[in-house]
N, C-alpha and C. Protein backbone atom coordinates (compact mmCIF):
# COMPACT_ATOMS: atom_id res chain seq x y z
N MET A 1 186.52 77.31 107.28
CA MET A 1 187.51 77.09 108.32
C MET A 1 188.71 77.99 108.05
N THR A 2 189.15 78.66 109.07
CA THR A 2 190.31 79.54 108.90
C THR A 2 191.58 78.71 108.79
N ASP A 3 192.63 79.35 108.25
CA ASP A 3 193.91 78.65 108.12
C ASP A 3 194.44 78.19 109.48
N SER A 4 194.26 79.02 110.51
CA SER A 4 194.78 78.63 111.83
C SER A 4 194.00 77.43 112.39
N ASN A 5 192.68 77.40 112.17
CA ASN A 5 191.89 76.25 112.62
C ASN A 5 192.28 74.99 111.85
N LEU A 6 192.51 75.15 110.56
CA LEU A 6 192.93 74.02 109.74
C LEU A 6 194.25 73.46 110.25
N GLN A 7 195.18 74.35 110.57
CA GLN A 7 196.48 73.91 111.08
C GLN A 7 196.34 73.15 112.39
N ILE A 8 195.44 73.59 113.25
CA ILE A 8 195.21 72.90 114.53
C ILE A 8 194.66 71.50 114.28
N VAL A 9 193.69 71.39 113.38
CA VAL A 9 193.10 70.09 113.06
C VAL A 9 194.16 69.16 112.48
N LEU A 10 194.91 69.65 111.49
CA LEU A 10 195.93 68.81 110.85
C LEU A 10 197.03 68.42 111.83
N GLN A 11 197.42 69.34 112.69
CA GLN A 11 198.45 69.03 113.70
C GLN A 11 197.96 67.92 114.63
N ASN A 12 196.70 67.99 115.04
CA ASN A 12 196.15 66.95 115.91
C ASN A 12 196.19 65.59 115.21
N ILE A 13 195.81 65.55 113.94
CA ILE A 13 195.83 64.29 113.19
C ILE A 13 197.25 63.78 113.03
N HIS A 14 198.17 64.65 112.65
CA HIS A 14 199.55 64.24 112.38
C HIS A 14 200.28 63.80 113.65
N GLN A 15 199.87 64.33 114.80
CA GLN A 15 200.57 63.99 116.04
C GLN A 15 199.99 62.77 116.75
N ARG A 16 198.88 62.23 116.26
CA ARG A 16 198.27 61.09 116.94
C ARG A 16 199.19 59.88 116.91
N GLN A 17 199.39 59.30 118.08
CA GLN A 17 200.20 58.10 118.21
C GLN A 17 199.58 57.18 119.25
N SER A 18 199.85 55.91 119.12
CA SER A 18 199.44 54.96 120.15
C SER A 18 200.46 55.02 121.28
N ILE A 19 199.96 55.18 122.50
CA ILE A 19 200.84 55.31 123.66
C ILE A 19 200.45 54.24 124.67
N GLY A 20 201.39 53.39 125.00
CA GLY A 20 201.10 52.23 125.83
C GLY A 20 201.10 52.46 127.32
N HIS A 21 201.85 53.43 127.82
CA HIS A 21 201.94 53.65 129.26
C HIS A 21 201.08 54.85 129.62
N LEU A 22 199.89 54.55 130.18
CA LEU A 22 198.90 55.59 130.46
C LEU A 22 198.57 55.64 131.94
N VAL A 23 198.44 56.86 132.46
CA VAL A 23 198.17 57.07 133.88
C VAL A 23 196.99 58.02 134.04
N GLU A 24 196.59 58.26 135.29
CA GLU A 24 195.57 59.27 135.59
C GLU A 24 196.13 60.65 135.24
N PRO A 25 195.29 61.60 134.87
CA PRO A 25 193.84 61.49 134.86
C PRO A 25 193.32 60.90 133.56
N ALA A 26 192.12 60.33 133.68
CA ALA A 26 191.36 59.87 132.52
C ALA A 26 190.33 60.94 132.22
N PRO A 27 189.70 60.89 131.07
CA PRO A 27 188.66 61.87 130.76
C PRO A 27 187.48 61.76 131.74
N ASN A 28 186.88 62.91 132.05
CA ASN A 28 185.68 62.89 132.88
C ASN A 28 184.46 62.64 131.97
N ALA A 29 183.28 62.62 132.55
CA ALA A 29 182.07 62.29 131.80
C ALA A 29 181.82 63.27 130.66
N ALA A 30 182.04 64.56 130.89
CA ALA A 30 181.81 65.57 129.85
C ALA A 30 182.81 65.41 128.71
N GLN A 31 184.05 65.12 129.04
CA GLN A 31 185.08 64.93 128.01
C GLN A 31 184.80 63.66 127.20
N LEU A 32 184.36 62.61 127.87
CA LEU A 32 183.99 61.39 127.16
C LEU A 32 182.80 61.63 126.24
N GLU A 33 181.84 62.42 126.70
CA GLU A 33 180.68 62.72 125.87
C GLU A 33 181.10 63.42 124.58
N LEU A 34 182.03 64.36 124.67
CA LEU A 34 182.55 65.02 123.46
C LEU A 34 183.18 64.01 122.50
N ALA A 35 183.94 63.08 123.06
CA ALA A 35 184.61 62.07 122.24
C ALA A 35 183.60 61.13 121.59
N PHE A 36 182.58 60.73 122.33
CA PHE A 36 181.56 59.84 121.76
C PHE A 36 180.74 60.57 120.70
N GLN A 37 180.46 61.84 120.92
CA GLN A 37 179.75 62.63 119.91
C GLN A 37 180.57 62.68 118.62
N ALA A 38 181.88 62.87 118.75
CA ALA A 38 182.76 62.89 117.57
C ALA A 38 182.75 61.52 116.89
N ALA A 39 182.80 60.46 117.68
CA ALA A 39 182.82 59.10 117.13
C ALA A 39 181.58 58.84 116.28
N LEU A 40 180.44 59.31 116.75
CA LEU A 40 179.18 59.01 116.08
C LEU A 40 178.96 59.82 114.80
N THR A 41 179.93 60.67 114.43
CA THR A 41 179.85 61.37 113.15
C THR A 41 180.54 60.60 112.03
N ALA A 42 181.05 59.42 112.34
CA ALA A 42 181.79 58.62 111.34
C ALA A 42 180.89 58.28 110.15
N PRO A 43 181.48 58.10 108.97
CA PRO A 43 180.69 57.67 107.81
C PRO A 43 179.92 56.40 108.14
N ASP A 44 178.67 56.34 107.70
CA ASP A 44 177.79 55.25 108.11
C ASP A 44 176.72 55.07 107.03
N HIS A 45 176.96 54.16 106.11
CA HIS A 45 176.06 53.92 104.98
C HIS A 45 174.66 53.57 105.50
N HIS A 46 173.67 54.28 105.02
CA HIS A 46 172.26 54.12 105.39
C HIS A 46 171.99 54.39 106.87
N ARG A 47 172.93 55.03 107.52
CA ARG A 47 172.78 55.39 108.94
C ARG A 47 172.30 54.22 109.80
N LEU A 48 172.98 53.11 109.66
CA LEU A 48 172.63 51.92 110.43
C LEU A 48 173.11 52.00 111.87
N LYS A 49 174.07 52.88 112.14
CA LYS A 49 174.63 53.05 113.49
C LYS A 49 175.06 51.71 114.09
N PRO A 50 176.03 51.03 113.45
CA PRO A 50 176.45 49.72 113.95
C PRO A 50 177.40 49.79 115.15
N THR A 51 177.91 50.97 115.47
CA THR A 51 178.94 51.09 116.50
C THR A 51 178.34 51.33 117.88
N ARG A 52 178.87 50.59 118.84
CA ARG A 52 178.51 50.75 120.25
C ARG A 52 179.80 50.85 121.05
N PHE A 53 179.72 51.46 122.23
CA PHE A 53 180.88 51.57 123.11
C PHE A 53 180.51 51.09 124.51
N ILE A 54 181.45 50.43 125.16
CA ILE A 54 181.30 49.99 126.54
C ILE A 54 182.49 50.55 127.32
N VAL A 55 182.21 51.29 128.39
CA VAL A 55 183.26 51.93 129.18
C VAL A 55 183.54 51.10 130.43
N VAL A 56 184.82 50.88 130.71
CA VAL A 56 185.26 50.18 131.91
C VAL A 56 186.25 51.09 132.62
N SER A 57 185.97 51.42 133.87
CA SER A 57 186.87 52.32 134.58
C SER A 57 186.95 51.98 136.06
N GLY A 58 187.87 52.64 136.73
CA GLY A 58 188.00 52.52 138.18
C GLY A 58 188.12 51.08 138.65
N GLU A 59 187.37 50.77 139.70
CA GLU A 59 187.44 49.44 140.31
C GLU A 59 186.91 48.35 139.39
N GLN A 60 186.10 48.71 138.39
CA GLN A 60 185.56 47.71 137.47
C GLN A 60 186.66 47.06 136.63
N ARG A 61 187.83 47.68 136.56
CA ARG A 61 188.92 47.11 135.77
C ARG A 61 189.37 45.76 136.32
N GLU A 62 189.34 45.61 137.64
CA GLU A 62 189.75 44.33 138.23
C GLU A 62 188.81 43.20 137.79
N ALA A 63 187.51 43.44 137.89
CA ALA A 63 186.53 42.44 137.47
C ALA A 63 186.64 42.18 135.98
N PHE A 64 186.91 43.23 135.20
CA PHE A 64 187.06 43.05 133.76
C PHE A 64 188.31 42.22 133.46
N GLY A 65 189.37 42.42 134.22
CA GLY A 65 190.58 41.60 134.07
C GLY A 65 190.30 40.14 134.33
N GLU A 66 189.50 39.85 135.35
CA GLU A 66 189.11 38.47 135.64
C GLU A 66 188.33 37.89 134.46
N LEU A 67 187.44 38.71 133.90
CA LEU A 67 186.66 38.27 132.74
C LEU A 67 187.56 37.98 131.54
N LEU A 68 188.55 38.85 131.30
CA LEU A 68 189.49 38.61 130.20
C LEU A 68 190.26 37.31 130.41
N ALA A 69 190.65 37.05 131.66
CA ALA A 69 191.38 35.81 131.96
C ALA A 69 190.50 34.59 131.68
N GLN A 70 189.22 34.66 132.09
CA GLN A 70 188.29 33.56 131.80
C GLN A 70 188.12 33.38 130.29
N ALA A 71 188.02 34.50 129.58
CA ALA A 71 187.80 34.45 128.14
C ALA A 71 188.99 33.83 127.42
N ILE A 72 190.19 34.17 127.82
CA ILE A 72 191.37 33.63 127.14
C ILE A 72 191.52 32.13 127.44
N GLN A 73 191.12 31.73 128.65
CA GLN A 73 191.12 30.30 128.98
C GLN A 73 190.06 29.57 128.17
N ASP A 74 188.91 30.21 127.99
CA ASP A 74 187.84 29.62 127.20
C ASP A 74 188.28 29.41 125.75
N LEU A 75 189.20 30.23 125.29
CA LEU A 75 189.73 30.09 123.93
C LEU A 75 190.82 29.02 123.84
N GLY A 76 191.19 28.43 124.99
CA GLY A 76 192.16 27.34 124.97
C GLY A 76 193.52 27.67 125.56
N GLU A 77 193.70 28.88 126.08
CA GLU A 77 195.00 29.24 126.67
C GLU A 77 195.18 28.47 127.97
N ILE A 78 196.29 27.73 128.09
CA ILE A 78 196.54 26.95 129.31
C ILE A 78 197.78 27.43 130.07
N ASP A 79 198.55 28.32 129.48
CA ASP A 79 199.75 28.85 130.13
C ASP A 79 199.31 29.82 131.23
N SER A 80 199.54 29.44 132.49
CA SER A 80 199.07 30.25 133.61
C SER A 80 199.72 31.63 133.64
N ALA A 81 200.96 31.74 133.17
CA ALA A 81 201.63 33.05 133.12
C ALA A 81 200.92 33.97 132.13
N GLN A 82 200.50 33.42 131.00
CA GLN A 82 199.79 34.21 129.99
C GLN A 82 198.42 34.63 130.51
N VAL A 83 197.73 33.72 131.18
CA VAL A 83 196.41 34.04 131.75
C VAL A 83 196.55 35.17 132.78
N GLU A 84 197.57 35.07 133.61
CA GLU A 84 197.80 36.11 134.63
C GLU A 84 198.13 37.45 133.98
N ARG A 85 198.91 37.41 132.91
CA ARG A 85 199.27 38.63 132.19
C ARG A 85 198.02 39.32 131.63
N VAL A 86 197.14 38.53 131.01
CA VAL A 86 195.91 39.07 130.44
C VAL A 86 195.03 39.67 131.53
N LYS A 87 195.02 39.05 132.69
CA LYS A 87 194.22 39.52 133.82
C LYS A 87 194.60 40.95 134.21
N HIS A 88 195.86 41.31 134.00
CA HIS A 88 196.34 42.64 134.40
C HIS A 88 196.26 43.68 133.28
N HIS A 89 195.84 43.28 132.09
CA HIS A 89 195.74 44.22 130.97
C HIS A 89 194.92 45.47 131.29
N PRO A 90 193.79 45.37 131.98
CA PRO A 90 192.99 46.58 132.22
C PRO A 90 193.70 47.65 133.06
N PHE A 91 194.79 47.27 133.72
CA PHE A 91 195.50 48.25 134.54
C PHE A 91 196.58 48.98 133.76
N ARG A 92 196.59 48.79 132.45
CA ARG A 92 197.51 49.54 131.59
C ARG A 92 197.07 51.00 131.46
N ALA A 93 195.82 51.28 131.82
CA ALA A 93 195.26 52.64 131.68
C ALA A 93 194.15 52.80 132.70
N PRO A 94 193.85 54.04 133.07
CA PRO A 94 192.78 54.26 134.04
C PRO A 94 191.37 54.06 133.48
N LEU A 95 191.25 54.00 132.15
CA LEU A 95 189.93 53.86 131.54
C LEU A 95 190.05 53.04 130.26
N LEU A 96 189.09 52.15 130.04
CA LEU A 96 189.05 51.35 128.82
C LEU A 96 187.72 51.58 128.13
N ILE A 97 187.75 51.58 126.81
CA ILE A 97 186.53 51.69 126.02
C ILE A 97 186.54 50.55 125.01
N LEU A 98 185.54 49.69 125.09
CA LEU A 98 185.41 48.63 124.09
C LEU A 98 184.56 49.17 122.96
N ALA A 99 185.04 49.01 121.75
CA ALA A 99 184.29 49.41 120.56
C ALA A 99 183.71 48.15 119.95
N VAL A 100 182.41 48.17 119.72
CA VAL A 100 181.69 47.00 119.23
C VAL A 100 181.00 47.35 117.92
N THR A 101 181.06 46.42 116.98
CA THR A 101 180.29 46.54 115.75
C THR A 101 179.13 45.57 115.83
N GLN A 102 177.92 46.12 115.89
CA GLN A 102 176.72 45.29 115.88
C GLN A 102 176.25 45.21 114.43
N ILE A 103 176.58 44.09 113.80
CA ILE A 103 176.27 43.93 112.38
C ILE A 103 174.75 43.93 112.17
N VAL A 104 174.32 44.75 111.22
CA VAL A 104 172.91 44.86 110.87
C VAL A 104 172.73 44.23 109.49
N GLU A 105 171.77 43.31 109.36
CA GLU A 105 171.48 42.72 108.05
C GLU A 105 170.84 43.78 107.16
N HIS A 106 171.49 44.08 106.03
CA HIS A 106 170.97 45.10 105.11
C HIS A 106 171.44 44.76 103.72
N GLN A 107 170.53 44.71 102.78
CA GLN A 107 170.88 44.27 101.43
C GLN A 107 171.82 45.23 100.71
N LYS A 108 171.85 46.50 101.12
CA LYS A 108 172.71 47.47 100.44
C LYS A 108 173.98 47.83 101.23
N VAL A 109 174.09 47.33 102.45
CA VAL A 109 175.25 47.68 103.28
C VAL A 109 175.94 46.40 103.74
N PRO A 110 177.01 45.99 103.05
CA PRO A 110 177.69 44.76 103.43
C PRO A 110 178.36 44.88 104.81
N GLU A 111 178.64 43.75 105.38
CA GLU A 111 179.25 43.69 106.71
C GLU A 111 180.54 44.50 106.78
N PHE A 112 181.37 44.39 105.73
CA PHE A 112 182.67 45.08 105.79
C PHE A 112 182.51 46.59 105.90
N GLU A 113 181.46 47.16 105.31
CA GLU A 113 181.24 48.60 105.43
C GLU A 113 180.89 48.99 106.86
N GLN A 114 180.17 48.14 107.54
CA GLN A 114 179.81 48.42 108.91
C GLN A 114 181.03 48.34 109.83
N ILE A 115 181.91 47.39 109.54
CA ILE A 115 183.15 47.27 110.30
C ILE A 115 184.03 48.49 110.06
N LEU A 116 184.11 48.94 108.80
CA LEU A 116 184.88 50.14 108.49
C LEU A 116 184.28 51.37 109.17
N SER A 117 182.96 51.42 109.27
CA SER A 117 182.31 52.54 109.96
C SER A 117 182.75 52.60 111.42
N THR A 118 182.82 51.44 112.06
CA THR A 118 183.30 51.42 113.45
C THR A 118 184.76 51.85 113.52
N GLY A 119 185.57 51.42 112.55
CA GLY A 119 186.96 51.86 112.53
C GLY A 119 187.07 53.37 112.42
N ALA A 120 186.24 53.97 111.58
CA ALA A 120 186.24 55.44 111.45
C ALA A 120 185.76 56.09 112.74
N ALA A 121 184.78 55.47 113.40
CA ALA A 121 184.29 55.99 114.68
C ALA A 121 185.40 55.96 115.73
N ILE A 122 186.15 54.87 115.74
CA ILE A 122 187.26 54.77 116.70
C ILE A 122 188.30 55.85 116.43
N GLN A 123 188.63 56.08 115.17
CA GLN A 123 189.61 57.12 114.85
C GLN A 123 189.11 58.49 115.30
N ASN A 124 187.83 58.78 115.06
CA ASN A 124 187.28 60.06 115.54
C ASN A 124 187.37 60.16 117.06
N LEU A 125 187.08 59.05 117.74
CA LEU A 125 187.18 59.01 119.20
C LEU A 125 188.60 59.32 119.65
N LEU A 126 189.57 58.64 119.04
CA LEU A 126 190.98 58.85 119.41
C LEU A 126 191.42 60.28 119.19
N LEU A 127 191.02 60.84 118.05
CA LEU A 127 191.41 62.22 117.75
C LEU A 127 190.76 63.22 118.70
N SER A 128 189.50 62.98 119.05
CA SER A 128 188.82 63.86 119.99
C SER A 128 189.47 63.79 121.37
N LEU A 129 189.80 62.59 121.81
CA LEU A 129 190.46 62.45 123.11
C LEU A 129 191.81 63.15 123.10
N GLN A 130 192.55 62.99 122.01
CA GLN A 130 193.85 63.65 121.91
C GLN A 130 193.72 65.16 121.92
N ALA A 131 192.73 65.68 121.21
CA ALA A 131 192.52 67.13 121.17
C ALA A 131 192.20 67.68 122.56
N GLN A 132 191.68 66.81 123.43
CA GLN A 132 191.37 67.22 124.80
C GLN A 132 192.52 66.97 125.77
N GLY A 133 193.66 66.51 125.24
CA GLY A 133 194.85 66.33 126.06
C GLY A 133 195.10 64.93 126.58
N PHE A 134 194.36 63.95 126.07
CA PHE A 134 194.52 62.58 126.53
C PHE A 134 195.27 61.73 125.50
N ALA A 135 195.75 60.59 125.95
CA ALA A 135 196.47 59.67 125.08
C ALA A 135 195.72 58.34 125.07
N SER A 136 196.03 57.51 124.09
CA SER A 136 195.29 56.25 123.96
C SER A 136 196.11 55.20 123.23
N MET A 137 195.60 53.97 123.34
CA MET A 137 196.16 52.84 122.62
C MET A 137 194.99 51.95 122.21
N TRP A 138 194.90 51.64 120.92
CA TRP A 138 193.84 50.79 120.39
C TRP A 138 194.42 49.39 120.26
N ARG A 139 193.85 48.44 121.00
CA ARG A 139 194.35 47.07 121.00
C ARG A 139 193.21 46.10 120.66
N SER A 140 193.60 44.88 120.32
CA SER A 140 192.59 43.84 120.14
C SER A 140 193.15 42.54 120.72
N GLY A 141 193.64 41.64 119.89
CA GLY A 141 194.15 40.37 120.37
C GLY A 141 193.09 39.28 120.28
N ALA A 142 193.51 38.05 120.52
CA ALA A 142 192.62 36.90 120.38
C ALA A 142 191.42 36.97 121.30
N VAL A 143 191.57 37.60 122.45
CA VAL A 143 190.50 37.61 123.45
C VAL A 143 189.21 38.25 122.92
N VAL A 144 189.30 39.16 121.96
CA VAL A 144 188.09 39.82 121.44
C VAL A 144 187.21 38.85 120.65
N GLU A 145 187.75 37.67 120.30
CA GLU A 145 186.98 36.67 119.57
C GLU A 145 186.17 35.77 120.51
N SER A 146 186.39 35.90 121.81
CA SER A 146 185.79 34.99 122.77
C SER A 146 184.26 35.12 122.84
N THR A 147 183.59 33.99 122.63
CA THR A 147 182.14 33.94 122.78
C THR A 147 181.75 34.20 124.22
N LEU A 148 182.55 33.68 125.16
CA LEU A 148 182.28 33.91 126.58
C LEU A 148 182.33 35.40 126.91
N LEU A 149 183.34 36.09 126.40
CA LEU A 149 183.46 37.53 126.65
C LEU A 149 182.25 38.26 126.10
N LYS A 150 181.86 37.94 124.88
CA LYS A 150 180.70 38.58 124.28
C LYS A 150 179.45 38.34 125.13
N GLU A 151 179.28 37.10 125.56
CA GLU A 151 178.10 36.74 126.36
C GLU A 151 178.07 37.55 127.66
N LYS A 152 179.21 37.63 128.35
CA LYS A 152 179.27 38.35 129.62
C LYS A 152 179.09 39.86 129.45
N LEU A 153 179.35 40.36 128.25
CA LEU A 153 179.15 41.78 127.96
C LEU A 153 177.75 42.07 127.42
N GLY A 154 176.94 41.02 127.29
CA GLY A 154 175.58 41.20 126.79
C GLY A 154 175.52 41.38 125.29
N LEU A 155 176.52 40.86 124.59
CA LEU A 155 176.59 40.99 123.13
C LEU A 155 176.11 39.70 122.47
N LYS A 156 175.80 39.80 121.18
CA LYS A 156 175.43 38.64 120.38
C LYS A 156 176.70 38.02 119.78
N ARG A 157 176.61 36.76 119.40
CA ARG A 157 177.75 36.10 118.75
C ARG A 157 178.19 36.82 117.49
N SER A 158 177.22 37.40 116.78
CA SER A 158 177.54 38.08 115.52
C SER A 158 178.18 39.45 115.73
N ASP A 159 178.12 39.98 116.94
CA ASP A 159 178.75 41.27 117.22
C ASP A 159 180.27 41.10 117.21
N LEU A 160 180.95 42.13 116.76
CA LEU A 160 182.41 42.11 116.73
C LEU A 160 182.95 43.10 117.74
N ILE A 161 183.86 42.64 118.58
CA ILE A 161 184.57 43.58 119.45
C ILE A 161 185.72 44.10 118.59
N SER A 162 185.56 45.31 118.10
CA SER A 162 186.50 45.87 117.12
C SER A 162 187.75 46.44 117.76
N GLY A 163 187.77 46.50 119.07
CA GLY A 163 188.96 46.97 119.75
C GLY A 163 188.69 47.31 121.20
N ILE A 164 189.76 47.26 121.97
CA ILE A 164 189.74 47.76 123.34
C ILE A 164 190.65 48.97 123.34
N ILE A 165 190.09 50.13 123.62
CA ILE A 165 190.86 51.37 123.60
C ILE A 165 191.23 51.73 125.02
N TYR A 166 192.53 51.81 125.27
CA TYR A 166 193.05 52.18 126.58
C TYR A 166 193.24 53.69 126.58
N VAL A 167 192.73 54.37 127.61
CA VAL A 167 192.71 55.83 127.63
C VAL A 167 193.23 56.37 128.95
N GLY A 168 194.02 57.42 128.86
CA GLY A 168 194.52 58.11 130.05
C GLY A 168 195.41 59.26 129.63
N THR A 169 196.38 59.52 130.46
CA THR A 169 197.36 60.57 130.18
C THR A 169 198.71 59.88 129.96
N ALA A 170 199.45 60.35 128.98
CA ALA A 170 200.76 59.75 128.69
C ALA A 170 201.66 59.89 129.91
N ALA A 171 202.30 58.79 130.31
CA ALA A 171 203.17 58.81 131.49
C ALA A 171 204.43 59.62 131.24
N LYS A 172 204.84 59.74 129.99
CA LYS A 172 206.02 60.53 129.65
C LYS A 172 205.85 61.09 128.25
N ALA A 173 206.62 62.10 127.94
CA ALA A 173 206.55 62.72 126.62
C ALA A 173 207.02 61.72 125.56
N ILE A 174 206.33 61.71 124.45
CA ILE A 174 206.66 60.82 123.34
C ILE A 174 207.21 61.67 122.20
N ALA A 175 208.27 61.16 121.56
CA ALA A 175 208.84 61.89 120.42
C ALA A 175 207.79 62.02 119.33
N PRO A 176 207.78 63.18 118.64
CA PRO A 176 206.80 63.35 117.56
C PRO A 176 206.98 62.29 116.48
N ARG A 177 205.89 61.98 115.84
CA ARG A 177 205.92 61.02 114.74
C ARG A 177 206.73 61.61 113.58
N ALA A 178 207.57 60.80 112.97
CA ALA A 178 208.34 61.25 111.82
C ALA A 178 207.40 61.45 110.64
N GLU A 179 207.61 62.52 109.91
CA GLU A 179 206.78 62.78 108.73
C GLU A 179 207.11 61.75 107.66
N GLN A 180 206.07 61.27 106.98
CA GLN A 180 206.26 60.24 105.96
C GLN A 180 206.03 60.82 104.57
N SER A 181 206.79 60.28 103.64
CA SER A 181 206.54 60.62 102.25
C SER A 181 205.36 59.78 101.78
N THR A 182 204.46 60.40 101.05
CA THR A 182 203.28 59.66 100.57
C THR A 182 203.55 58.96 99.24
N GLN A 183 204.72 59.15 98.65
CA GLN A 183 205.01 58.61 97.32
C GLN A 183 204.86 57.10 97.23
N ASP A 184 205.20 56.39 98.30
CA ASP A 184 205.11 54.93 98.28
C ASP A 184 203.68 54.42 98.50
N TYR A 185 202.77 55.32 98.83
CA TYR A 185 201.42 54.91 99.23
C TYR A 185 200.31 55.46 98.35
N VAL A 186 200.64 56.42 97.50
CA VAL A 186 199.62 57.11 96.71
C VAL A 186 200.07 57.15 95.26
N ARG A 187 199.15 56.84 94.36
CA ARG A 187 199.44 57.01 92.94
C ARG A 187 198.19 57.51 92.24
N THR A 188 198.38 58.10 91.10
CA THR A 188 197.28 58.59 90.28
C THR A 188 197.03 57.60 89.16
N TRP A 189 195.82 57.14 89.05
CA TRP A 189 195.47 56.16 88.04
C TRP A 189 195.20 56.85 86.70
N SER A 190 195.63 56.22 85.64
CA SER A 190 195.36 56.70 84.29
C SER A 190 195.04 55.50 83.41
N VAL A 191 194.02 55.61 82.58
CA VAL A 191 193.64 54.52 81.69
C VAL A 191 194.79 54.16 80.75
N ASP A 192 195.66 55.11 80.46
CA ASP A 192 196.78 54.87 79.55
C ASP A 192 197.81 53.90 80.12
N GLU A 193 197.78 53.70 81.43
CA GLU A 193 198.76 52.80 82.06
C GLU A 193 198.45 51.34 81.78
N TYR A 194 197.22 51.02 81.38
CA TYR A 194 196.82 49.61 81.30
C TYR A 194 196.32 49.20 79.95
């Protein structure tokens, strides 16, 4: 990799931010395919491929909002204002991608590794979308635990909805992320310390 290519890759990683106000345009089918291809290169012990994606876009967002409202009520939410708020969540962006971890029983690959694999896939997805000029927000919340939601999405109870990724174009310019010192987060281990 040339120095200029390396700088482009690092700049893309360093500039990634969650952006909550997203508008059209959303990625087209070819752009989404690039992002999904990037996602599927995530580390994956024994190549179990536990990660799946479900795309919700256009007019389907309204029906998905209704489903989210049903799911949050199924979880015990009785505040009508909260239910109504959840119903409108899909309109935060022109496109939503649900990331799912389908846990595979494997004696050498614990569940947590499969969940981490999906997390890495999501990060690759976000970075690929950003490199193509799009913005995103990775959200979850109590609703992803809903058995009703899983059932309506054709998932098993053991499947985990690892996030709902909102995708579109940033409605306004966002200030660059402040550079962080790694000193508080990284240390070198030495046997002499213990």
